Amino acid sequence: MGAGKSSVGRCLQKRRGLALFDMDEMVTAKFGSSIARIFETHGEEKFRDAETEVLRSLVLNRSARETDSSYGEQSIVVTGGGIVLRTENSDLLRRLGTIVWLDAEAEILFERASKKGNRPLLETENPRKTFSQLLEARRPLYAKIADVRIDTSGRSQEEVVEDILEQSST
């Protein structure tokens, strides 16, 4: 949360001309409402179920595209920050290709995440403490599945994209 996944994903898409699948956008389209509204109306568990369902469909669609040589097989998949909470999701992500973990200093992540004010998981009495707990729980999971880790602290989207391209090609 706050690492720049969506904005870096769009920048990478412009740079490489690849298809971009933003899972949060796909889930909100499925429900026809914002993530905050989904959490409020259906709860986090239903959101996570939909997130896994979208991820499964991306894996299935990629498999279908690989059998049709008229499609390029590379694409960019931008996930939500909680995607790693389910082991099944980690397995599905591995089937999609290189997993890039965008990270930053905790304070920077919190500032970015709280700037927009649309983070339902941070709507607590103590958002900073909640954020720290989420980050502490998620970081080891990211570290376990990531092929590449990029620190986005104090860096432009272009600089981050440059690192992604450099590190994911080796």
N, C-alpha and C. Protein backbone atom coordinates (compact mmCIF):
# COMPACT_ATOMS: atom_id res chain seq x y z
N MET A 1 0.84 -1.17 0.00
CA MET A 1 0.00 0.00 0.00
C MET A 1 0.89 1.25 0.00
N GLY A 2 0.75 2.05 -1.07
CA GLY A 2 1.52 3.28 -1.14
C GLY A 2 2.87 3.14 -1.83
N ALA A 3 3.16 1.97 -2.38
CA ALA A 3 4.46 1.75 -3.03
C ALA A 3 4.51 2.32 -4.44
N GLY A 4 3.34 2.59 -5.02
CA GLY A 4 3.30 3.14 -6.38
C GLY A 4 2.98 2.11 -7.45
N LYS A 5 2.35 1.01 -7.06
CA LYS A 5 2.10 -0.08 -8.00
C LYS A 5 1.31 0.38 -9.23
N SER A 6 0.22 1.08 -9.02
CA SER A 6 -0.63 1.49 -10.15
C SER A 6 0.06 2.51 -11.04
N SER A 7 0.65 3.52 -10.45
CA SER A 7 1.29 4.56 -11.26
C SER A 7 2.53 4.02 -11.97
N VAL A 8 3.31 3.19 -11.32
CA VAL A 8 4.48 2.59 -11.96
C VAL A 8 4.02 1.62 -13.05
N GLY A 9 2.95 0.88 -12.79
CA GLY A 9 2.41 -0.03 -13.80
C GLY A 9 2.01 0.71 -15.07
N ARG A 10 1.33 1.85 -14.91
CA ARG A 10 0.93 2.65 -16.08
C ARG A 10 2.15 3.21 -16.81
N CYS A 11 3.15 3.63 -16.07
CA CYS A 11 4.39 4.15 -16.67
C CYS A 11 5.11 3.03 -17.43
N LEU A 12 5.16 1.86 -16.86
CA LEU A 12 5.79 0.72 -17.52
C LEU A 12 5.01 0.34 -18.79
N GLN A 13 3.70 0.42 -18.71
CA GLN A 13 2.87 0.11 -19.87
C GLN A 13 3.18 1.08 -21.02
N LYS A 14 3.26 2.37 -20.71
CA LYS A 14 3.57 3.36 -21.74
C LYS A 14 4.95 3.10 -22.35
N ARG A 15 5.87 2.72 -21.51
CA ARG A 15 7.24 2.50 -21.95
C ARG A 15 7.38 1.26 -22.82
N ARG A 16 6.68 0.19 -22.46
CA ARG A 16 6.85 -1.09 -23.15
C ARG A 16 5.71 -1.43 -24.11
N GLY A 17 4.57 -0.73 -23.99
CA GLY A 17 3.43 -1.02 -24.88
C GLY A 17 2.77 -2.35 -24.61
N LEU A 18 2.88 -2.85 -23.39
CA LEU A 18 2.28 -4.13 -23.03
C LEU A 18 0.87 -3.94 -22.48
N ALA A 19 0.09 -4.99 -22.50
CA ALA A 19 -1.23 -4.96 -21.88
C ALA A 19 -1.06 -4.78 -20.38
N LEU A 20 -1.95 -4.00 -19.77
CA LEU A 20 -1.92 -3.75 -18.33
C LEU A 20 -3.22 -4.23 -17.72
N PHE A 21 -3.10 -5.04 -16.69
CA PHE A 21 -4.27 -5.51 -15.94
C PHE A 21 -4.12 -5.02 -14.50
N ASP A 22 -4.96 -4.07 -14.11
CA ASP A 22 -4.94 -3.55 -12.74
C ASP A 22 -6.04 -4.29 -11.98
N MET A 23 -5.63 -5.16 -11.08
CA MET A 23 -6.59 -6.02 -10.40
C MET A 23 -7.59 -5.24 -9.56
N ASP A 24 -7.17 -4.16 -8.92
CA ASP A 24 -8.12 -3.36 -8.14
C ASP A 24 -9.21 -2.80 -9.06
N GLU A 25 -8.83 -2.34 -10.24
CA GLU A 25 -9.81 -1.84 -11.20
C GLU A 25 -10.74 -2.96 -11.67
N MET A 26 -10.18 -4.14 -11.86
CA MET A 26 -10.98 -5.27 -12.30
C MET A 26 -11.99 -5.70 -11.22
N VAL A 27 -11.57 -5.67 -9.97
CA VAL A 27 -12.48 -6.02 -8.87
C VAL A 27 -13.56 -4.96 -8.72
N THR A 28 -13.20 -3.69 -8.81
CA THR A 28 -14.22 -2.64 -8.67
C THR A 28 -15.21 -2.71 -9.83
N ALA A 29 -14.75 -3.05 -11.01
CA ALA A 29 -15.66 -3.20 -12.15
C ALA A 29 -16.62 -4.37 -11.92
N LYS A 30 -16.12 -5.42 -11.34
CA LYS A 30 -16.93 -6.61 -11.05
C LYS A 30 -18.07 -6.26 -10.10
N PHE A 31 -17.76 -5.45 -9.08
CA PHE A 31 -18.77 -5.06 -8.10
C PHE A 31 -19.55 -3.82 -8.51
N GLY A 32 -18.98 -3.04 -9.42
CA GLY A 32 -19.64 -1.80 -9.82
C GLY A 32 -19.57 -0.72 -8.75
N SER A 33 -18.55 -0.80 -7.91
CA SER A 33 -18.37 0.23 -6.88
C SER A 33 -16.92 0.28 -6.43
N SER A 34 -16.61 1.31 -5.64
CA SER A 34 -15.24 1.53 -5.18
C SER A 34 -14.82 0.45 -4.18
N ILE A 35 -13.51 0.36 -3.98
CA ILE A 35 -12.99 -0.59 -2.99
C ILE A 35 -13.53 -0.26 -1.60
N ALA A 36 -13.54 1.01 -1.26
CA ALA A 36 -14.06 1.42 0.04
C ALA A 36 -15.51 0.95 0.21
N ARG A 37 -16.29 1.11 -0.82
CA ARG A 37 -17.70 0.69 -0.78
C ARG A 37 -17.82 -0.84 -0.71
N ILE A 38 -16.97 -1.54 -1.42
CA ILE A 38 -16.97 -3.01 -1.37
C ILE A 38 -16.68 -3.47 0.05
N PHE A 39 -15.65 -2.88 0.67
CA PHE A 39 -15.31 -3.24 2.05
C PHE A 39 -16.48 -2.93 2.98
N GLU A 40 -17.10 -1.78 2.79
CA GLU A 40 -18.20 -1.35 3.66
C GLU A 40 -19.42 -2.25 3.50
N THR A 41 -19.75 -2.59 2.27
CA THR A 41 -20.96 -3.36 1.99
C THR A 41 -20.78 -4.86 2.13
N HIS A 42 -19.66 -5.37 1.63
CA HIS A 42 -19.47 -6.82 1.57
C HIS A 42 -18.39 -7.34 2.52
N GLY A 43 -17.50 -6.46 2.98
CA GLY A 43 -16.43 -6.87 3.88
C GLY A 43 -15.16 -7.25 3.14
N GLU A 44 -14.07 -7.28 3.90
CA GLU A 44 -12.77 -7.56 3.31
C GLU A 44 -12.71 -8.97 2.70
N GLU A 45 -13.33 -9.94 3.37
CA GLU A 45 -13.26 -11.32 2.89
C GLU A 45 -13.85 -11.47 1.48
N LYS A 46 -14.98 -10.83 1.21
CA LYS A 46 -15.58 -10.88 -0.13
C LYS A 46 -14.68 -10.19 -1.15
N PHE A 47 -14.06 -9.08 -0.73
CA PHE A 47 -13.11 -8.41 -1.62
C PHE A 47 -11.96 -9.36 -1.95
N ARG A 48 -11.41 -10.02 -0.95
CA ARG A 48 -10.28 -10.94 -1.17
C ARG A 48 -10.71 -12.12 -2.05
N ASP A 49 -11.95 -12.59 -1.87
CA ASP A 49 -12.47 -13.66 -2.73
C ASP A 49 -12.50 -13.21 -4.19
N ALA A 50 -13.00 -12.00 -4.41
CA ALA A 50 -13.08 -11.46 -5.77
C ALA A 50 -11.69 -11.24 -6.35
N GLU A 51 -10.77 -10.80 -5.53
CA GLU A 51 -9.39 -10.58 -5.94
C GLU A 51 -8.77 -11.91 -6.42
N THR A 52 -8.99 -12.97 -5.67
CA THR A 52 -8.47 -14.28 -6.05
C THR A 52 -9.13 -14.77 -7.34
N GLU A 53 -10.41 -14.55 -7.46
CA GLU A 53 -11.14 -14.94 -8.68
C GLU A 53 -10.58 -14.21 -9.91
N VAL A 54 -10.32 -12.92 -9.78
CA VAL A 54 -9.74 -12.14 -10.87
C VAL A 54 -8.36 -12.67 -11.22
N LEU A 55 -7.57 -12.96 -10.22
CA LEU A 55 -6.22 -13.49 -10.45
C LEU A 55 -6.29 -14.84 -11.18
N ARG A 56 -7.20 -15.71 -10.74
CA ARG A 56 -7.39 -17.00 -11.41
C ARG A 56 -7.73 -16.79 -12.89
N SER A 57 -8.61 -15.83 -13.17
CA SER A 57 -9.01 -15.58 -14.56
C SER A 57 -7.83 -15.06 -15.38
N LEU A 58 -6.97 -14.25 -14.78
CA LEU A 58 -5.78 -13.78 -15.50
C LEU A 58 -4.85 -14.93 -15.85
N VAL A 59 -4.69 -15.87 -14.93
CA VAL A 59 -3.85 -17.04 -15.18
C VAL A 59 -4.45 -17.88 -16.30
N LEU A 60 -5.75 -18.11 -16.24
CA LEU A 60 -6.41 -18.91 -17.28
C LEU A 60 -6.32 -18.22 -18.63
N ASN A 61 -6.54 -16.91 -18.65
CA ASN A 61 -6.46 -16.16 -19.91
C ASN A 61 -5.05 -16.17 -20.47
N ARG A 62 -4.07 -16.10 -19.60
CA ARG A 62 -2.68 -16.14 -20.08
C ARG A 62 -2.38 -17.50 -20.71
N SER A 63 -2.86 -18.56 -20.07
CA SER A 63 -2.66 -19.90 -20.63
C SER A 63 -3.30 -20.00 -22.00
N ALA A 64 -4.49 -19.43 -22.16
CA ALA A 64 -5.17 -19.46 -23.46
C ALA A 64 -4.40 -18.64 -24.49
N ARG A 65 -3.87 -17.49 -24.09
CA ARG A 65 -3.11 -16.64 -25.01
C ARG A 65 -1.83 -17.32 -25.47
N GLU A 66 -1.22 -18.08 -24.57
CA GLU A 66 0.04 -18.76 -24.92
C GLU A 66 -0.16 -19.79 -26.01
N THR A 67 -1.37 -20.34 -26.13
CA THR A 67 -1.63 -21.33 -27.17
C THR A 67 -2.00 -20.68 -28.50
N ASP A 68 -2.24 -19.37 -28.48
CA ASP A 68 -2.56 -18.63 -29.70
C ASP A 68 -1.40 -17.69 -29.99
N SER A 69 -0.60 -18.02 -30.98
CA SER A 69 0.63 -17.27 -31.26
C SER A 69 0.38 -15.85 -31.75
N SER A 70 -0.88 -15.49 -32.04
CA SER A 70 -1.15 -14.13 -32.50
C SER A 70 -1.14 -13.13 -31.35
N TYR A 71 -1.16 -13.62 -30.12
CA TYR A 71 -1.10 -12.76 -28.94
C TYR A 71 0.31 -12.74 -28.38
N GLY A 72 0.73 -11.56 -27.92
CA GLY A 72 1.98 -11.52 -27.18
C GLY A 72 1.71 -12.08 -25.80
N GLU A 73 2.67 -12.76 -25.23
CA GLU A 73 2.40 -13.38 -23.95
C GLU A 73 2.78 -12.49 -22.77
N GLN A 74 3.53 -11.42 -22.99
CA GLN A 74 3.91 -10.56 -21.88
C GLN A 74 2.81 -9.56 -21.58
N SER A 75 2.62 -9.29 -20.30
CA SER A 75 1.69 -8.26 -19.85
C SER A 75 2.13 -7.81 -18.47
N ILE A 76 1.48 -6.77 -18.00
CA ILE A 76 1.76 -6.22 -16.68
C ILE A 76 0.51 -6.45 -15.84
N VAL A 77 0.69 -7.03 -14.66
CA VAL A 77 -0.42 -7.23 -13.74
C VAL A 77 -0.10 -6.44 -12.47
N VAL A 78 -0.96 -5.50 -12.16
CA VAL A 78 -0.80 -4.69 -10.95
C VAL A 78 -1.77 -5.25 -9.91
N THR A 79 -1.25 -5.64 -8.78
CA THR A 79 -2.09 -6.22 -7.73
C THR A 79 -2.34 -5.21 -6.62
N GLY A 80 -3.27 -5.53 -5.77
CA GLY A 80 -3.45 -4.77 -4.54
C GLY A 80 -2.43 -5.24 -3.52
N GLY A 81 -2.21 -4.45 -2.51
CA GLY A 81 -1.18 -4.76 -1.51
C GLY A 81 -1.44 -6.02 -0.70
N GLY A 82 -2.70 -6.42 -0.58
CA GLY A 82 -3.03 -7.59 0.23
C GLY A 82 -3.06 -8.89 -0.54
N ILE A 83 -2.68 -8.87 -1.79
CA ILE A 83 -2.74 -10.07 -2.63
C ILE A 83 -1.95 -11.23 -2.03
N VAL A 84 -0.89 -10.92 -1.30
CA VAL A 84 0.00 -11.96 -0.76
C VAL A 84 -0.57 -12.66 0.48
N LEU A 85 -1.71 -12.21 0.96
CA LEU A 85 -2.27 -12.77 2.19
C LEU A 85 -2.78 -14.20 2.01
N ARG A 86 -3.04 -14.58 0.78
CA ARG A 86 -3.50 -15.94 0.51
C ARG A 86 -2.41 -16.70 -0.24
N THR A 87 -2.06 -17.87 0.28
CA THR A 87 -1.04 -18.69 -0.36
C THR A 87 -1.43 -19.02 -1.79
N GLU A 88 -2.70 -19.28 -2.03
CA GLU A 88 -3.17 -19.58 -3.39
C GLU A 88 -2.78 -18.45 -4.35
N ASN A 89 -2.90 -17.22 -3.91
CA ASN A 89 -2.57 -16.08 -4.76
C ASN A 89 -1.09 -16.06 -5.12
N SER A 90 -0.26 -16.39 -4.15
CA SER A 90 1.18 -16.43 -4.41
C SER A 90 1.49 -17.47 -5.49
N ASP A 91 0.85 -18.63 -5.40
CA ASP A 91 1.05 -19.68 -6.40
C ASP A 91 0.57 -19.21 -7.78
N LEU A 92 -0.57 -18.55 -7.82
CA LEU A 92 -1.10 -18.04 -9.09
C LEU A 92 -0.18 -16.97 -9.68
N LEU A 93 0.31 -16.08 -8.84
CA LEU A 93 1.21 -15.03 -9.32
C LEU A 93 2.47 -15.62 -9.96
N ARG A 94 3.00 -16.66 -9.37
CA ARG A 94 4.20 -17.31 -9.92
C ARG A 94 3.94 -17.82 -11.34
N ARG A 95 2.72 -18.23 -11.61
CA ARG A 95 2.38 -18.75 -12.94
C ARG A 95 2.31 -17.64 -13.98
N LEU A 96 2.20 -16.40 -13.51
CA LEU A 96 2.10 -15.27 -14.45
C LEU A 96 3.46 -14.76 -14.91
N GLY A 97 4.52 -15.04 -14.16
CA GLY A 97 5.84 -14.57 -14.58
C GLY A 97 6.62 -13.94 -13.46
N THR A 98 7.46 -13.00 -13.81
CA THR A 98 8.34 -12.34 -12.85
C THR A 98 7.51 -11.51 -11.87
N ILE A 99 7.77 -11.69 -10.61
CA ILE A 99 7.06 -10.94 -9.57
C ILE A 99 7.97 -9.83 -9.06
N VAL A 100 7.53 -8.60 -9.27
CA VAL A 100 8.29 -7.42 -8.84
C VAL A 100 7.60 -6.84 -7.61
N TRP A 101 8.35 -6.71 -6.54
CA TRP A 101 7.85 -6.14 -5.29
C TRP A 101 8.33 -4.71 -5.20
N LEU A 102 7.38 -3.78 -5.25
CA LEU A 102 7.71 -2.37 -5.04
C LEU A 102 7.60 -2.08 -3.55
N ASP A 103 8.64 -1.57 -2.97
CA ASP A 103 8.70 -1.31 -1.54
C ASP A 103 9.21 0.10 -1.33
N ALA A 104 9.19 0.57 -0.12
CA ALA A 104 9.74 1.87 0.24
C ALA A 104 9.88 1.91 1.76
N GLU A 105 10.49 2.97 2.24
CA GLU A 105 10.59 3.15 3.68
C GLU A 105 9.17 3.24 4.25
N ALA A 106 8.97 2.69 5.44
CA ALA A 106 7.64 2.62 6.05
C ALA A 106 6.96 3.98 6.13
N GLU A 107 7.70 4.99 6.52
CA GLU A 107 7.11 6.34 6.66
C GLU A 107 6.63 6.87 5.31
N ILE A 108 7.40 6.63 4.28
CA ILE A 108 7.02 7.08 2.93
C ILE A 108 5.78 6.32 2.46
N LEU A 109 5.76 5.01 2.69
CA LEU A 109 4.58 4.22 2.31
C LEU A 109 3.33 4.72 3.02
N PHE A 110 3.45 4.99 4.31
CA PHE A 110 2.29 5.47 5.07
C PHE A 110 1.81 6.82 4.54
N GLU A 111 2.74 7.73 4.30
CA GLU A 111 2.36 9.05 3.79
C GLU A 111 1.64 8.95 2.45
N ARG A 112 2.18 8.14 1.55
CA ARG A 112 1.54 7.96 0.25
C ARG A 112 0.17 7.32 0.38
N ALA A 113 0.08 6.28 1.21
CA ALA A 113 -1.17 5.54 1.35
C ALA A 113 -2.26 6.38 2.00
N SER A 114 -1.88 7.23 2.93
CA SER A 114 -2.89 8.01 3.65
C SER A 114 -3.26 9.30 2.92
N LYS A 115 -2.47 9.67 1.91
CA LYS A 115 -2.71 10.91 1.18
C LYS A 115 -4.07 10.92 0.48
N LYS A 116 -4.42 9.81 -0.14
CA LYS A 116 -5.65 9.75 -0.92
C LYS A 116 -6.90 9.65 -0.06
N GLY A 117 -6.78 9.08 1.13
CA GLY A 117 -7.92 8.98 2.02
C GLY A 117 -8.95 7.95 1.58
N ASN A 118 -8.59 7.05 0.70
CA ASN A 118 -9.56 6.05 0.23
C ASN A 118 -9.09 4.63 0.55
N ARG A 119 -8.43 4.47 1.67
CA ARG A 119 -7.91 3.16 2.07
C ARG A 119 -8.75 2.62 3.23
N PRO A 120 -9.68 1.73 2.94
CA PRO A 120 -10.58 1.26 4.00
C PRO A 120 -9.86 0.60 5.17
N LEU A 121 -8.74 -0.05 4.92
CA LEU A 121 -8.03 -0.71 6.01
C LEU A 121 -7.39 0.30 6.96
N LEU A 122 -7.25 1.55 6.52
CA LEU A 122 -6.65 2.58 7.38
C LEU A 122 -7.69 3.42 8.09
N GLU A 123 -8.95 3.11 7.90
CA GLU A 123 -10.01 3.85 8.57
C GLU A 123 -10.22 3.27 9.96
N THR A 124 -9.23 3.51 10.80
CA THR A 124 -9.23 3.01 12.17
C THR A 124 -8.93 4.17 13.11
N GLU A 125 -8.99 3.87 14.39
CA GLU A 125 -8.68 4.89 15.39
C GLU A 125 -7.23 5.35 15.29
N ASN A 126 -6.33 4.42 14.95
CA ASN A 126 -4.92 4.74 14.83
C ASN A 126 -4.38 4.21 13.49
N PRO A 127 -4.59 4.98 12.40
CA PRO A 127 -4.19 4.49 11.08
C PRO A 127 -2.70 4.17 10.97
N ARG A 128 -1.86 4.94 11.62
CA ARG A 128 -0.41 4.70 11.55
C ARG A 128 -0.06 3.33 12.16
N LYS A 129 -0.64 3.02 13.30
CA LYS A 129 -0.39 1.74 13.95
C LYS A 129 -0.94 0.60 13.08
N THR A 130 -2.14 0.78 12.53
CA THR A 130 -2.74 -0.22 11.65
C THR A 130 -1.85 -0.46 10.45
N PHE A 131 -1.36 0.62 9.86
CA PHE A 131 -0.48 0.50 8.70
C PHE A 131 0.78 -0.28 9.05
N SER A 132 1.38 0.05 10.18
CA SER A 132 2.60 -0.65 10.62
C SER A 132 2.34 -2.15 10.80
N GLN A 133 1.19 -2.48 11.37
CA GLN A 133 0.85 -3.89 11.56
C GLN A 133 0.65 -4.61 10.21
N LEU A 134 -0.02 -3.94 9.28
CA LEU A 134 -0.23 -4.52 7.95
C LEU A 134 1.11 -4.75 7.26
N LEU A 135 1.97 -3.74 7.33
CA LEU A 135 3.27 -3.83 6.68
C LEU A 135 4.13 -4.93 7.30
N GLU A 136 4.10 -5.02 8.61
CA GLU A 136 4.87 -6.04 9.32
C GLU A 136 4.39 -7.45 8.94
N ALA A 137 3.10 -7.61 8.75
CA ALA A 137 2.55 -8.92 8.38
C ALA A 137 2.83 -9.25 6.91
N ARG A 138 2.81 -8.25 6.05
CA ARG A 138 2.93 -8.48 4.62
C ARG A 138 4.37 -8.56 4.11
N ARG A 139 5.26 -7.78 4.67
CA ARG A 139 6.64 -7.74 4.13
C ARG A 139 7.29 -9.11 4.00
N PRO A 140 7.19 -9.98 5.01
CA PRO A 140 7.82 -11.30 4.85
C PRO A 140 7.17 -12.11 3.71
N LEU A 141 5.89 -11.90 3.49
CA LEU A 141 5.19 -12.61 2.41
C LEU A 141 5.66 -12.10 1.05
N TYR A 142 5.82 -10.78 0.93
CA TYR A 142 6.36 -10.21 -0.31
C TYR A 142 7.77 -10.75 -0.56
N ALA A 143 8.57 -10.74 0.49
CA ALA A 143 9.97 -11.19 0.35
C ALA A 143 10.04 -12.64 -0.10
N LYS A 144 9.10 -13.44 0.35
CA LYS A 144 9.09 -14.86 0.03
C LYS A 144 8.78 -15.12 -1.46
N ILE A 145 7.91 -14.30 -2.06
CA ILE A 145 7.50 -14.61 -3.44
C ILE A 145 8.17 -13.74 -4.51
N ALA A 146 8.75 -12.62 -4.10
CA ALA A 146 9.29 -11.68 -5.09
C ALA A 146 10.54 -12.22 -5.78
N ASP A 147 10.58 -12.02 -7.09
CA ASP A 147 11.79 -12.30 -7.86
C ASP A 147 12.72 -11.09 -7.82
N VAL A 148 12.11 -9.90 -7.74
CA VAL A 148 12.83 -8.64 -7.77
C VAL A 148 12.20 -7.71 -6.73
N ARG A 149 13.04 -7.01 -5.97
CA ARG A 149 12.55 -5.99 -5.02
C ARG A 149 13.12 -4.65 -5.45
N ILE A 150 12.23 -3.67 -5.59
CA ILE A 150 12.64 -2.32 -5.99
C ILE A 150 12.20 -1.35 -4.90
N ASP A 151 13.14 -0.55 -4.41
CA ASP A 151 12.82 0.48 -3.42
C ASP A 151 12.40 1.73 -4.17
N THR A 152 11.18 2.19 -3.92
CA THR A 152 10.65 3.37 -4.61
C THR A 152 10.81 4.65 -3.80
N SER A 153 11.46 4.57 -2.65
CA SER A 153 11.63 5.74 -1.78
C SER A 153 12.33 6.87 -2.53
N GLY A 154 11.69 8.02 -2.60
CA GLY A 154 12.30 9.21 -3.18
C GLY A 154 12.68 9.07 -4.64
N ARG A 155 12.02 8.21 -5.37
CA ARG A 155 12.38 7.96 -6.76
C ARG A 155 11.20 8.24 -7.68
N SER A 156 11.50 8.68 -8.87
CA SER A 156 10.45 8.94 -9.85
C SER A 156 9.95 7.62 -10.43
N GLN A 157 8.78 7.68 -11.05
CA GLN A 157 8.23 6.49 -11.71
C GLN A 157 9.18 5.99 -12.80
N GLU A 158 9.76 6.92 -13.53
CA GLU A 158 10.69 6.54 -14.61
C GLU A 158 11.91 5.81 -14.06
N GLU A 159 12.44 6.28 -12.94
CA GLU A 159 13.60 5.61 -12.33
C GLU A 159 13.24 4.20 -11.88
N VAL A 160 12.04 4.06 -11.32
CA VAL A 160 11.59 2.75 -10.86
C VAL A 160 11.40 1.81 -12.05
N VAL A 161 10.78 2.32 -13.12
CA VAL A 161 10.58 1.51 -14.33
C VAL A 161 11.92 1.07 -14.90
N GLU A 162 12.88 1.98 -14.91
CA GLU A 162 14.22 1.65 -15.40
C GLU A 162 14.81 0.48 -14.61
N ASP A 163 14.67 0.52 -13.28
CA ASP A 163 15.15 -0.57 -12.43
C ASP A 163 14.41 -1.88 -12.72
N ILE A 164 13.11 -1.79 -12.89
CA ILE A 164 12.32 -2.99 -13.18
C ILE A 164 12.81 -3.64 -14.46
N LEU A 165 12.98 -2.84 -15.49
CA LEU A 165 13.42 -3.37 -16.78
C LEU A 165 14.82 -3.97 -16.68
N GLU A 166 15.67 -3.31 -15.94
CA GLU A 166 17.04 -3.77 -15.78
C GLU A 166 17.10 -5.06 -14.98
N GLN A 167 16.40 -5.10 -13.86
CA GLN A 167 16.49 -6.26 -12.95
C GLN A 167 15.65 -7.45 -13.42
N SER A 168 14.59 -7.22 -14.13
CA SER A 168 13.75 -8.35 -14.54
C SER A 168 14.26 -8.99 -15.82
N SER A 169 15.23 -8.37 -16.48
CA SER A 169 15.77 -8.96 -17.71
C SER A 169 17.00 -9.82 -17.42
N THR A 170 17.50 -9.78 -16.20
CA THR A 170 18.70 -10.57 -15.88
C THR A 170 18.36 -11.94 -15.36
